[in-house]
Amino acid sequence: FDIQTGDTLELGRANRRSLQVMGTGATANPLTITGTLTPGTSSAVVLQAFNSGGSVNIPIDAGGTTYNSLDIAPLSTETYVLTANMTGGNAITGRVYINANTTFDVTGSNFNMEVAGDWVNNNGGTFTPQAGTVTFNGAAAQTINTGNQAFNILTLNNTGANGSTDDLIINGTLDVNGDFNITNGDLNLATNDPNVTT
Protein backbone atom coordinates (compact mmCIF):
# COMPACT_ATOMS: atom_id res chain seq x y z
CA PHE A 1 0.00 0.00 0.00
CA ASP A 2 1.50 3.34 -1.06
CA ILE A 3 0.74 6.79 0.32
CA GLN A 4 2.30 8.83 -2.43
CA THR A 5 3.80 12.31 -2.48
CA GLY A 6 1.03 14.91 -2.32
CA ASP A 7 -1.48 12.43 -0.86
CA THR A 8 -2.75 12.32 2.73
CA LEU A 9 -4.42 9.39 4.44
CA GLU A 10 -6.33 10.41 7.57
CA LEU A 11 -7.34 7.56 9.85
CA GLY A 12 -9.82 9.45 11.98
CA ARG A 13 -9.79 11.84 14.88
CA ALA A 14 -11.86 10.29 17.66
CA ASN A 15 -13.19 6.83 16.83
CA ARG A 16 -10.72 3.98 16.51
CA ARG A 17 -9.69 3.27 12.92
CA SER A 18 -7.29 0.64 11.63
CA LEU A 19 -5.20 0.51 8.49
CA GLN A 20 -4.33 -3.13 7.88
CA VAL A 21 -1.74 -3.76 5.17
CA MET A 22 0.02 -6.87 3.91
CA GLY A 23 3.25 -7.39 1.98
CA THR A 24 5.05 -10.34 0.40
CA GLY A 25 8.54 -11.11 -0.82
CA ALA A 26 11.97 -11.84 0.67
CA THR A 27 11.89 -8.33 2.13
CA ALA A 28 8.31 -7.16 2.48
CA ASN A 29 7.26 -3.51 2.39
CA PRO A 30 3.56 -3.63 3.24
CA LEU A 31 3.35 0.15 3.55
CA THR A 32 5.30 2.85 1.72
CA ILE A 33 4.91 6.49 2.75
CA THR A 34 6.19 9.38 0.68
CA GLY A 35 3.06 11.43 1.32
CA THR A 36 1.37 12.02 4.68
CA LEU A 37 -0.17 9.62 7.16
CA THR A 38 -2.37 11.41 9.70
CA PRO A 39 -3.14 8.91 12.45
CA GLY A 40 -5.65 10.87 14.51
CA THR A 41 -5.91 10.15 18.21
CA SER A 42 -7.22 6.59 18.30
CA SER A 43 -6.02 4.57 15.33
CA ALA A 44 -3.77 1.63 14.61
CA VAL A 45 -1.58 0.65 11.69
CA VAL A 46 -1.56 -3.15 11.48
CA LEU A 47 1.39 -4.61 9.56
CA GLN A 48 1.23 -8.13 8.21
CA ALA A 49 3.26 -10.24 5.82
CA PHE A 50 2.53 -13.48 4.04
CA ASN A 51 5.36 -15.95 3.46
CA SER A 52 7.95 -13.19 3.12
CA GLY A 53 10.66 -15.60 4.18
CA GLY A 54 12.84 -12.70 5.22
CA SER A 55 12.10 -9.43 6.98
CA VAL A 56 9.27 -6.95 6.99
CA ASN A 57 10.18 -3.27 6.96
CA ILE A 58 8.34 -0.88 9.27
CA PRO A 59 8.04 2.35 7.25
CA ILE A 60 9.41 5.48 8.88
CA ASP A 61 9.63 8.72 6.95
CA ALA A 62 12.38 11.21 7.81
CA GLY A 63 9.82 13.95 7.17
CA GLY A 64 7.78 12.73 10.14
CA THR A 65 5.47 9.71 10.00
CA THR A 66 3.64 9.63 13.31
CA TYR A 67 1.81 6.48 14.26
CA ASN A 68 -0.87 6.39 16.90
CA SER A 69 -0.68 2.66 17.60
CA LEU A 70 1.52 0.16 15.79
CA ASP A 71 0.26 -3.43 15.75
CA ILE A 72 2.56 -6.16 14.43
CA ALA A 73 0.39 -9.15 13.65
CA PRO A 74 1.98 -11.65 11.24
CA LEU A 75 0.17 -14.52 9.60
CA SER A 76 3.25 -16.72 10.04
CA THR A 77 6.64 -16.42 11.76
CA GLU A 78 8.20 -13.15 10.58
CA THR A 79 10.86 -10.61 11.58
CA TYR A 80 9.81 -6.95 11.57
CA VAL A 81 12.59 -4.38 11.46
CA LEU A 82 12.77 -0.66 12.14
CA THR A 83 14.13 1.44 9.29
CA ALA A 84 14.78 4.61 11.33
CA ASN A 85 14.29 6.04 14.82
CA MET A 86 10.71 6.21 16.04
CA THR A 87 11.31 9.39 18.02
CA GLY A 88 10.26 13.03 17.80
CA GLY A 89 7.99 13.46 14.77
CA ASN A 90 8.13 9.70 14.17
CA ALA A 91 7.22 8.66 17.71
CA ILE A 92 4.41 6.30 18.73
CA THR A 93 1.61 8.36 20.28
CA GLY A 94 -0.39 5.24 21.25
CA ARG A 95 0.59 1.65 21.95
CA VAL A 96 2.98 -0.93 20.51
CA TYR A 97 1.46 -4.40 20.10
CA ILE A 98 3.75 -7.36 19.35
CA ASN A 99 1.79 -10.49 18.57
CA ALA A 100 2.77 -14.16 18.50
CA ASN A 101 5.09 -15.37 15.70
CA THR A 102 6.77 -11.95 15.70
CA THR A 103 10.38 -10.94 16.12
CA PHE A 104 10.51 -7.15 16.42
CA ASP A 105 14.10 -6.01 15.82
CA VAL A 106 15.48 -2.47 16.14
CA THR A 107 18.38 -3.78 13.95
CA GLY A 108 22.12 -3.32 14.22
CA SER A 109 21.57 0.39 13.61
CA ASN A 110 20.27 0.47 17.21
CA PHE A 111 17.22 2.57 16.39
CA ASN A 112 15.43 4.22 19.31
CA MET A 113 11.73 4.44 20.13
CA GLU A 114 9.47 6.80 22.05
CA VAL A 115 6.12 5.36 23.13
CA ALA A 116 3.33 7.42 24.71
CA GLY A 117 0.99 4.48 25.28
CA ASP A 118 1.30 0.88 26.42
CA TRP A 119 3.74 -1.82 25.32
CA VAL A 120 1.96 -5.14 24.78
CA ASN A 121 4.07 -8.19 24.00
CA ASN A 122 1.41 -10.81 23.55
CA ASN A 123 1.50 -14.59 23.21
CA GLY A 124 5.23 -15.13 22.91
CA GLY A 125 6.44 -12.38 20.60
CA THR A 126 10.18 -11.62 20.60
CA PHE A 127 11.68 -8.17 21.04
CA THR A 128 15.30 -7.74 19.93
CA PRO A 129 16.50 -4.48 21.51
CA GLN A 130 20.09 -4.51 20.20
CA ALA A 131 21.75 -1.40 21.74
CA GLY A 132 18.70 0.83 21.29
CA THR A 133 16.69 2.88 23.78
CA VAL A 134 12.95 2.69 24.43
CA THR A 135 11.49 5.75 26.16
CA PHE A 136 8.03 5.75 27.70
CA ASN A 137 6.93 9.39 27.54
CA GLY A 138 3.17 9.42 27.97
CA ALA A 139 1.07 11.90 29.90
CA ALA A 140 -1.06 9.20 31.58
CA ALA A 141 -0.30 5.88 33.25
CA GLN A 142 1.43 3.36 30.98
CA THR A 143 1.70 -0.42 31.16
CA ILE A 144 4.46 -2.70 29.89
CA ASN A 145 3.40 -6.27 29.21
CA THR A 146 6.96 -7.49 28.76
CA GLY A 147 6.33 -10.99 27.47
CA ASN A 148 9.48 -11.66 29.53
CA GLN A 149 11.54 -9.99 26.80
CA ALA A 150 14.45 -7.72 27.76
CA PHE A 151 15.03 -4.08 26.93
CA ASN A 152 18.49 -2.62 26.38
CA ILE A 153 18.20 0.97 27.66
CA LEU A 154 14.83 1.88 29.17
CA THR A 155 13.82 5.44 30.05
CA LEU A 156 10.71 6.53 31.93
CA ASN A 157 9.82 10.15 31.18
CA ASN A 158 6.11 10.29 31.91
CA THR A 159 4.77 13.81 32.30
CA GLY A 160 1.42 12.92 33.89
CA ALA A 161 0.33 14.52 37.13
CA ASN A 162 1.93 13.19 40.30
CA GLY A 163 0.13 10.14 41.62
CA SER A 164 -1.22 7.18 39.66
CA THR A 165 -1.41 9.09 36.36
CA ASP A 166 2.37 9.09 35.87
CA ASP A 167 2.92 5.42 36.74
CA LEU A 168 4.72 2.82 34.67
CA ILE A 169 3.03 -0.50 35.53
CA ILE A 170 4.82 -3.78 34.77
CA ASN A 171 3.22 -7.08 33.76
CA GLY A 172 5.77 -9.90 33.63
CA THR A 173 9.48 -9.78 34.40
CA LEU A 174 11.20 -6.48 33.57
CA ASP A 175 14.75 -7.14 32.39
CA VAL A 176 16.91 -4.16 31.38
CA ASN A 177 20.32 -5.08 30.01
CA GLY A 178 21.70 -1.54 30.04
CA ASP A 179 20.72 1.66 31.84
CA PHE A 180 17.30 2.15 33.41
CA ASN A 181 16.62 5.89 33.66
CA ILE A 182 13.70 7.51 35.46
CA THR A 183 13.48 11.17 34.46
CA ASN A 184 9.80 11.80 35.25
CA GLY A 185 7.09 9.53 36.57
CA ASP A 186 6.96 6.59 38.98
CA LEU A 187 7.85 2.93 38.52
CA ASN A 188 4.87 1.11 40.02
CA LEU A 189 6.02 -2.19 41.52
CA ALA A 190 3.06 -2.59 43.87
CA THR A 191 0.35 -3.44 41.34
CA ASN A 192 1.72 -6.75 40.04
CA ASP A 193 4.82 -7.25 42.21
CA PRO A 194 7.01 -7.92 39.15
CA ASN A 195 10.59 -9.14 39.13
CA VAL A 196 12.95 -6.40 37.94
CA THR A 197 16.48 -7.11 36.75
CA THR A 198 18.87 -4.33 35.72
C-alpha atoms as a PDB file:
ATOM      1  CA  PHE A   1       0.000   0.000   0.000  1.00  0.00           C
ATOM      2  CA  ASP A   2       1.502   3.340  -1.064  1.00  0.00           C
ATOM      3  CA  ILE A   3       0.745   6.785   0.316  1.00  0.00           C
ATOM      4  CA  GLN A   4       2.300   8.833  -2.435  1.00  0.00           C
ATOM      5  CA  THR A   5       3.796  12.313  -2.481  1.00  0.00           C
ATOM      6  CA  GLY A   6       1.034  14.913  -2.320  1.00  0.00           C
ATOM      7  CA  ASP A   7      -1.480  12.435  -0.863  1.00  0.00           C
ATOM      8  CA  THR A   8      -2.751  12.321   2.726  1.00  0.00           C
ATOM      9  CA  LEU A   9      -4.416   9.392   4.441  1.00  0.00           C
ATOM     10  CA  GLU A  10      -6.326  10.410   7.568  1.00  0.00           C
ATOM     11  CA  LEU A  11      -7.336   7.562   9.850  1.00  0.00           C
ATOM     12  CA  GLY A  12      -9.818   9.450  11.984  1.00  0.00           C
ATOM     13  CA  ARG A  13      -9.787  11.843  14.875  1.00  0.00           C
ATOM     14  CA  ALA A  14     -11.861  10.293  17.661  1.00  0.00           C
ATOM     15  CA  ASN A  15     -13.191   6.835  16.825  1.00  0.00           C
ATOM     16  CA  ARG A  16     -10.719   3.981  16.511  1.00  0.00           C
ATOM     17  CA  ARG A  17      -9.695   3.273  12.920  1.00  0.00           C
ATOM     18  CA  SER A  18      -7.286   0.643  11.627  1.00  0.00           C
ATOM     19  CA  LEU A  19      -5.204   0.509   8.487  1.00  0.00           C
ATOM     20  CA  GLN A  20      -4.334  -3.134   7.877  1.00  0.00           C
ATOM     21  CA  VAL A  21      -1.744  -3.763   5.168  1.00  0.00           C
ATOM     22  CA  MET A  22       0.024  -6.867   3.911  1.00  0.00           C
ATOM     23  CA  GLY A  23       3.250  -7.390   1.980  1.00  0.00           C
ATOM     24  CA  THR A  24       5.046 -10.336   0.395  1.00  0.00           C
ATOM     25  CA  GLY A  25       8.543 -11.114  -0.817  1.00  0.00           C
ATOM     26  CA  ALA A  26      11.966 -11.840   0.674  1.00  0.00           C
ATOM     27  CA  THR A  27      11.889  -8.328   2.129  1.00  0.00           C
ATOM     28  CA  ALA A  28       8.314  -7.164   2.480  1.00  0.00           C
ATOM     29  CA  ASN A  29       7.258  -3.512   2.388  1.00  0.00           C
ATOM     30  CA  PRO A  30       3.562  -3.633   3.242  1.00  0.00           C
ATOM     31  CA  LEU A  31       3.348   0.150   3.555  1.00  0.00           C
ATOM     32  CA  THR A  32       5.298   2.852   1.723  1.00  0.00           C
ATOM     33  CA  ILE A  33       4.910   6.485   2.751  1.00  0.00           C
ATOM     34  CA  THR A  34       6.190   9.379   0.676  1.00  0.00           C
ATOM     35  CA  GLY A  35       3.059  11.433   1.317  1.00  0.00           C
ATOM     36  CA  THR A  36       1.374  12.022   4.680  1.00  0.00           C
ATOM     37  CA  LEU A  37      -0.168   9.615   7.163  1.00  0.00           C
ATOM     38  CA  THR A  38      -2.367  11.406   9.702  1.00  0.00           C
ATOM     39  CA  PRO A  39      -3.140   8.908  12.449  1.00  0.00           C
ATOM     40  CA  GLY A  40      -5.654  10.872  14.510  1.00  0.00           C
ATOM     41  CA  THR A  41      -5.906  10.152  18.214  1.00  0.00           C
ATOM     42  CA  SER A  42      -7.222   6.585  18.302  1.00  0.00           C
ATOM     43  CA  SER A  43      -6.023   4.570  15.334  1.00  0.00           C
ATOM     44  CA  ALA A  44      -3.770   1.625  14.615  1.00  0.00           C
ATOM     45  CA  VAL A  45      -1.577   0.654  11.694  1.00  0.00           C
ATOM     46  CA  VAL A  46      -1.555  -3.153  11.482  1.00  0.00           C
ATOM     47  CA  LEU A  47       1.391  -4.607   9.561  1.00  0.00           C
ATOM     48  CA  GLN A  48       1.234  -8.132   8.215  1.00  0.00           C
ATOM     49  CA  ALA A  49       3.260 -10.237   5.824  1.00  0.00           C
ATOM     50  CA  PHE A  50       2.534 -13.483   4.038  1.00  0.00           C
ATOM     51  CA  ASN A  51       5.356 -15.950   3.460  1.00  0.00           C
ATOM     52  CA  SER A  52       7.946 -13.186   3.123  1.00  0.00           C
ATOM     53  CA  GLY A  53      10.663 -15.603   4.178  1.00  0.00           C
ATOM     54  CA  GLY A  54      12.838 -12.702   5.223  1.00  0.00           C
ATOM     55  CA  SER A  55      12.102  -9.428   6.984  1.00  0.00           C
ATOM     56  CA  VAL A  56       9.267  -6.949   6.992  1.00  0.00           C
ATOM     57  CA  ASN A  57      10.183  -3.266   6.957  1.00  0.00           C
ATOM     58  CA  ILE A  58       8.337  -0.875   9.268  1.00  0.00           C
ATOM     59  CA  PRO A  59       8.036   2.345   7.252  1.00  0.00           C
ATOM     60  CA  ILE A  60       9.406   5.482   8.883  1.00  0.00           C
ATOM     61  CA  ASP A  61       9.633   8.720   6.949  1.00  0.00           C
ATOM     62  CA  ALA A  62      12.383  11.213   7.810  1.00  0.00           C
ATOM     63  CA  GLY A  63       9.818  13.955   7.171  1.00  0.00           C
ATOM     64  CA  GLY A  64       7.782  12.726  10.140  1.00  0.00           C
ATOM     65  CA  THR A  65       5.466   9.712  10.000  1.00  0.00           C
ATOM     66  CA  THR A  66       3.640   9.631  13.311  1.00  0.00           C
ATOM     67  CA  TYR A  67       1.808   6.477  14.257  1.00  0.00           C
ATOM     68  CA  ASN A  68      -0.868   6.395  16.899  1.00  0.00           C
ATOM     69  CA  SER A  69      -0.682   2.659  17.596  1.00  0.00           C
ATOM     70  CA  LEU A  70       1.523   0.156  15.787  1.00  0.00           C
ATOM     71  CA  ASP A  71       0.265  -3.428  15.747  1.00  0.00           C
ATOM     72  CA  ILE A  72       2.558  -6.159  14.429  1.00  0.00           C
ATOM     73  CA  ALA A  73       0.391  -9.153  13.647  1.00  0.00           C
ATOM     74  CA  PRO A  74       1.980 -11.646  11.240  1.00  0.00           C
ATOM     75  CA  LEU A  75       0.165 -14.522   9.599  1.00  0.00           C
ATOM     76  CA  SER A  76       3.249 -16.722  10.036  1.00  0.00           C
ATOM     77  CA  THR A  77       6.639 -16.425  11.757  1.00  0.00           C
ATOM     78  CA  GLU A  78       8.197 -13.151  10.579  1.00  0.00           C
ATOM     79  CA  THR A  79      10.856 -10.611  11.579  1.00  0.00           C
ATOM     80  CA  TYR A  80       9.808  -6.955  11.570  1.00  0.00           C
ATOM     81  CA  VAL A  81      12.587  -4.377  11.457  1.00  0.00           C
ATOM     82  CA  LEU A  82      12.769  -0.664  12.144  1.00  0.00           C
ATOM     83  CA  THR A  83      14.131   1.440   9.291  1.00  0.00           C
ATOM     84  CA  ALA A  84      14.783   4.610  11.332  1.00  0.00           C
ATOM     85  CA  ASN A  85      14.294   6.035  14.815  1.00  0.00           C
ATOM     86  CA  MET A  86      10.708   6.215  16.036  1.00  0.00           C
ATOM     87  CA  THR A  87      11.314   9.389  18.021  1.00  0.00           C
ATOM     88  CA  GLY A  88      10.260  13.025  17.797  1.00  0.00           C
ATOM     89  CA  GLY A  89       7.991  13.463  14.765  1.00  0.00           C
ATOM     90  CA  ASN A  90       8.128   9.700  14.173  1.00  0.00           C
ATOM     91  CA  ALA A  91       7.222   8.662  17.714  1.00  0.00           C
ATOM     92  CA  ILE A  92       4.412   6.303  18.731  1.00  0.00           C
ATOM     93  CA  THR A  93       1.608   8.364  20.283  1.00  0.00           C
ATOM     94  CA  GLY A  94      -0.387   5.245  21.249  1.00  0.00           C
ATOM     95  CA  ARG A  95       0.591   1.651  21.952  1.00  0.00           C
ATOM     96  CA  VAL A  96       2.983  -0.928  20.513  1.00  0.00           C
ATOM     97  CA  TYR A  97       1.461  -4.396  20.098  1.00  0.00           C
ATOM     98  CA  ILE A  98       3.753  -7.358  19.353  1.00  0.00           C
ATOM     99  CA  ASN A  99       1.788 -10.495  18.567  1.00  0.00           C
ATOM    100  CA  ALA A 100       2.775 -14.157  18.498  1.00  0.00           C
ATOM    101  CA  ASN A 101       5.093 -15.369  15.695  1.00  0.00           C
ATOM    102  CA  THR A 102       6.767 -11.946  15.696  1.00  0.00           C
ATOM    103  CA  THR A 103      10.376 -10.939  16.116  1.00  0.00           C
ATOM    104  CA  PHE A 104      10.510  -7.150  16.422  1.00  0.00           C
ATOM    105  CA  ASP A 105      14.099  -6.015  15.819  1.00  0.00           C
ATOM    106  CA  VAL A 106      15.479  -2.474  16.143  1.00  0.00           C
ATOM    107  CA  THR A 107      18.376  -3.779  13.947  1.00  0.00           C
ATOM    108  CA  GLY A 108      22.123  -3.323  14.221  1.00  0.00           C
ATOM    109  CA  SER A 109      21.572   0.394  13.608  1.00  0.00           C
ATOM    110  CA  ASN A 110      20.266   0.467  17.205  1.00  0.00           C
ATOM    111  CA  PHE A 111      17.219   2.574  16.394  1.00  0.00           C
ATOM    112  CA  ASN A 112      15.429   4.217  19.309  1.00  0.00           C
ATOM    113  CA  MET A 113      11.735   4.442  20.133  1.00  0.00           C
ATOM    114  CA  GLU A 114       9.471   6.801  22.050  1.00  0.00           C
ATOM    115  CA  VAL A 115       6.116   5.365  23.131  1.00  0.00           C
ATOM    116  CA  ALA A 116       3.333   7.420  24.715  1.00  0.00           C
ATOM    117  CA  GLY A 117       0.991   4.476  25.282  1.00  0.00           C
ATOM    118  CA  ASP A 118       1.298   0.876  26.420  1.00  0.00           C
ATOM    119  CA  TRP A 119       3.744  -1.817  25.319  1.00  0.00           C
ATOM    120  CA  VAL A 120       1.964  -5.136  24.777  1.00  0.00           C
ATOM    121  CA  ASN A 121       4.070  -8.191  24.000  1.00  0.00           C
ATOM    122  CA  ASN A 122       1.408 -10.809  23.547  1.00  0.00           C
ATOM    123  CA  ASN A 123       1.496 -14.595  23.211  1.00  0.00           C
ATOM    124  CA  GLY A 124       5.229 -15.131  22.910  1.00  0.00           C
ATOM    125  CA  GLY A 125       6.436 -12.379  20.602  1.00  0.00           C
ATOM    126  CA  THR A 126      10.182 -11.621  20.599  1.00  0.00           C
ATOM    127  CA  PHE A 127      11.680  -8.165  21.040  1.00  0.00           C
ATOM    128  CA  THR A 128      15.303  -7.744  19.930  1.00  0.00           C
ATOM    129  CA  PRO A 129      16.498  -4.475  21.505  1.00  0.00           C
ATOM    130  CA  GLN A 130      20.094  -4.505  20.202  1.00  0.00           C
ATOM    131  CA  ALA A 131      21.749  -1.399  21.743  1.00  0.00           C
ATOM    132  CA  GLY A 132      18.698   0.825  21.290  1.00  0.00           C
ATOM    133  CA  THR A 133      16.689   2.879  23.783  1.00  0.00           C
ATOM    134  CA  VAL A 134      12.949   2.688  24.432  1.00  0.00           C
ATOM    135  CA  THR A 135      11.491   5.749  26.159  1.00  0.00           C
ATOM    136  CA  PHE A 136       8.026   5.750  27.701  1.00  0.00           C
ATOM    137  CA  ASN A 137       6.932   9.385  27.545  1.00  0.00           C
ATOM    138  CA  GLY A 138       3.171   9.424  27.972  1.00  0.00           C
ATOM    139  CA  ALA A 139       1.066  11.898  29.904  1.00  0.00           C
ATOM    140  CA  ALA A 140      -1.057   9.203  31.579  1.00  0.00           C
ATOM    141  CA  ALA A 141      -0.300   5.884  33.254  1.00  0.00           C
ATOM    142  CA  GLN A 142       1.428   3.356  30.977  1.00  0.00           C
ATOM    143  CA  THR A 143       1.697  -0.422  31.158  1.00  0.00           C
ATOM    144  CA  ILE A 144       4.464  -2.698  29.886  1.00  0.00           C
ATOM    145  CA  ASN A 145       3.400  -6.266  29.211  1.00  0.00           C
ATOM    146  CA  THR A 146       6.957  -7.491  28.763  1.00  0.00           C
ATOM    147  CA  GLY A 147       6.331 -10.988  27.468  1.00  0.00           C
ATOM    148  CA  ASN A 148       9.476 -11.656  29.525  1.00  0.00           C
ATOM    149  CA  GLN A 149      11.544  -9.993  26.800  1.00  0.00           C
ATOM    150  CA  ALA A 150      14.450  -7.720  27.765  1.00  0.00           C
ATOM    151  CA  PHE A 151      15.034  -4.076  26.926  1.00  0.00           C
ATOM    152  CA  ASN A 152      18.492  -2.619  26.384  1.00  0.00           C
ATOM    153  CA  ILE A 153      18.203   0.974  27.659  1.00  0.00           C
ATOM    154  CA  LEU A 154      14.832   1.885  29.166  1.00  0.00           C
ATOM    155  CA  THR A 155      13.824   5.440  30.055  1.00  0.00           C
ATOM    156  CA  LEU A 156      10.713   6.529  31.929  1.00  0.00           C
ATOM    157  CA  ASN A 157       9.821  10.148  31.175  1.00  0.00           C
ATOM    158  CA  ASN A 158       6.107  10.285  31.914  1.00  0.00           C
ATOM    159  CA  THR A 159       4.770  13.807  32.296  1.00  0.00           C
ATOM    160  CA  GLY A 160       1.424  12.917  33.887  1.00  0.00           C
ATOM    161  CA  ALA A 161       0.331  14.523  37.126  1.00  0.00           C
ATOM    162  CA  ASN A 162       1.929  13.191  40.302  1.00  0.00           C
ATOM    163  CA  GLY A 163       0.128  10.139  41.619  1.00  0.00           C
ATOM    164  CA  SER A 164      -1.219   7.181  39.661  1.00  0.00           C
ATOM    165  CA  THR A 165      -1.407   9.090  36.357  1.00  0.00           C
ATOM    166  CA  ASP A 166       2.370   9.095  35.869  1.00  0.00           C
ATOM    167  CA  ASP A 167       2.920   5.418  36.743  1.00  0.00           C
ATOM    168  CA  LEU A 168       4.721   2.817  34.670  1.00  0.00           C
ATOM    169  CA  ILE A 169       3.033  -0.502  35.531  1.00  0.00           C
ATOM    170  CA  ILE A 170       4.822  -3.781  34.772  1.00  0.00           C
ATOM    171  CA  ASN A 171       3.220  -7.080  33.764  1.00  0.00           C
ATOM    172  CA  GLY A 172       5.771  -9.899  33.625  1.00  0.00           C
ATOM    173  CA  THR A 173       9.477  -9.779  34.398  1.00  0.00           C
ATOM    174  CA  LEU A 174      11.199  -6.481  33.575  1.00  0.00           C
ATOM    175  CA  ASP A 175      14.749  -7.141  32.389  1.00  0.00           C
ATOM    176  CA  VAL A 176      16.909  -4.161  31.382  1.00  0.00           C
ATOM    177  CA  ASN A 177      20.324  -5.076  30.006  1.00  0.00           C
ATOM    178  CA  GLY A 178      21.696  -1.537  30.035  1.00  0.00           C
ATOM    179  CA  ASP A 179      20.719   1.657  31.842  1.00  0.00           C
ATOM    180  CA  PHE A 180      17.295   2.153  33.414  1.00  0.00           C
ATOM    181  CA  ASN A 181      16.621   5.887  33.657  1.00  0.00           C
ATOM    182  CA  ILE A 182      13.696   7.510  35.464  1.00  0.00           C
ATOM    183  CA  THR A 183      13.478  11.168  34.457  1.00  0.00           C
ATOM    184  CA  ASN A 184       9.799  11.804  35.253  1.00  0.00           C
ATOM    185  CA  GLY A 185       7.092   9.526  36.572  1.00  0.00           C
ATOM    186  CA  ASP A 186       6.963   6.590  38.982  1.00  0.00           C
ATOM    187  CA  LEU A 187       7.853   2.932  38.519  1.00  0.00           C
ATOM    188  CA  ASN A 188       4.873   1.113  40.019  1.00  0.00           C
ATOM    189  CA  LEU A 189       6.015  -2.187  41.519  1.00  0.00           C
ATOM    190  CA  ALA A 190       3.061  -2.585  43.872  1.00  0.00           C
ATOM    191  CA  THR A 191       0.353  -3.436  41.340  1.00  0.00           C
ATOM    192  CA  ASN A 192       1.717  -6.752  40.038  1.00  0.00           C
ATOM    193  CA  ASP A 193       4.822  -7.248  42.210  1.00  0.00           C
ATOM    194  CA  PRO A 194       7.014  -7.923  39.154  1.00  0.00           C
ATOM    195  CA  ASN A 195      10.585  -9.140  39.132  1.00  0.00           C
ATOM    196  CA  VAL A 196      12.948  -6.401  37.935  1.00  0.00           C
ATOM    197  CA  THR A 197      16.484  -7.110  36.746  1.00  0.00           C
ATOM    198  CA  THR A 198      18.873  -4.329  35.722  1.00  0.00           C
END
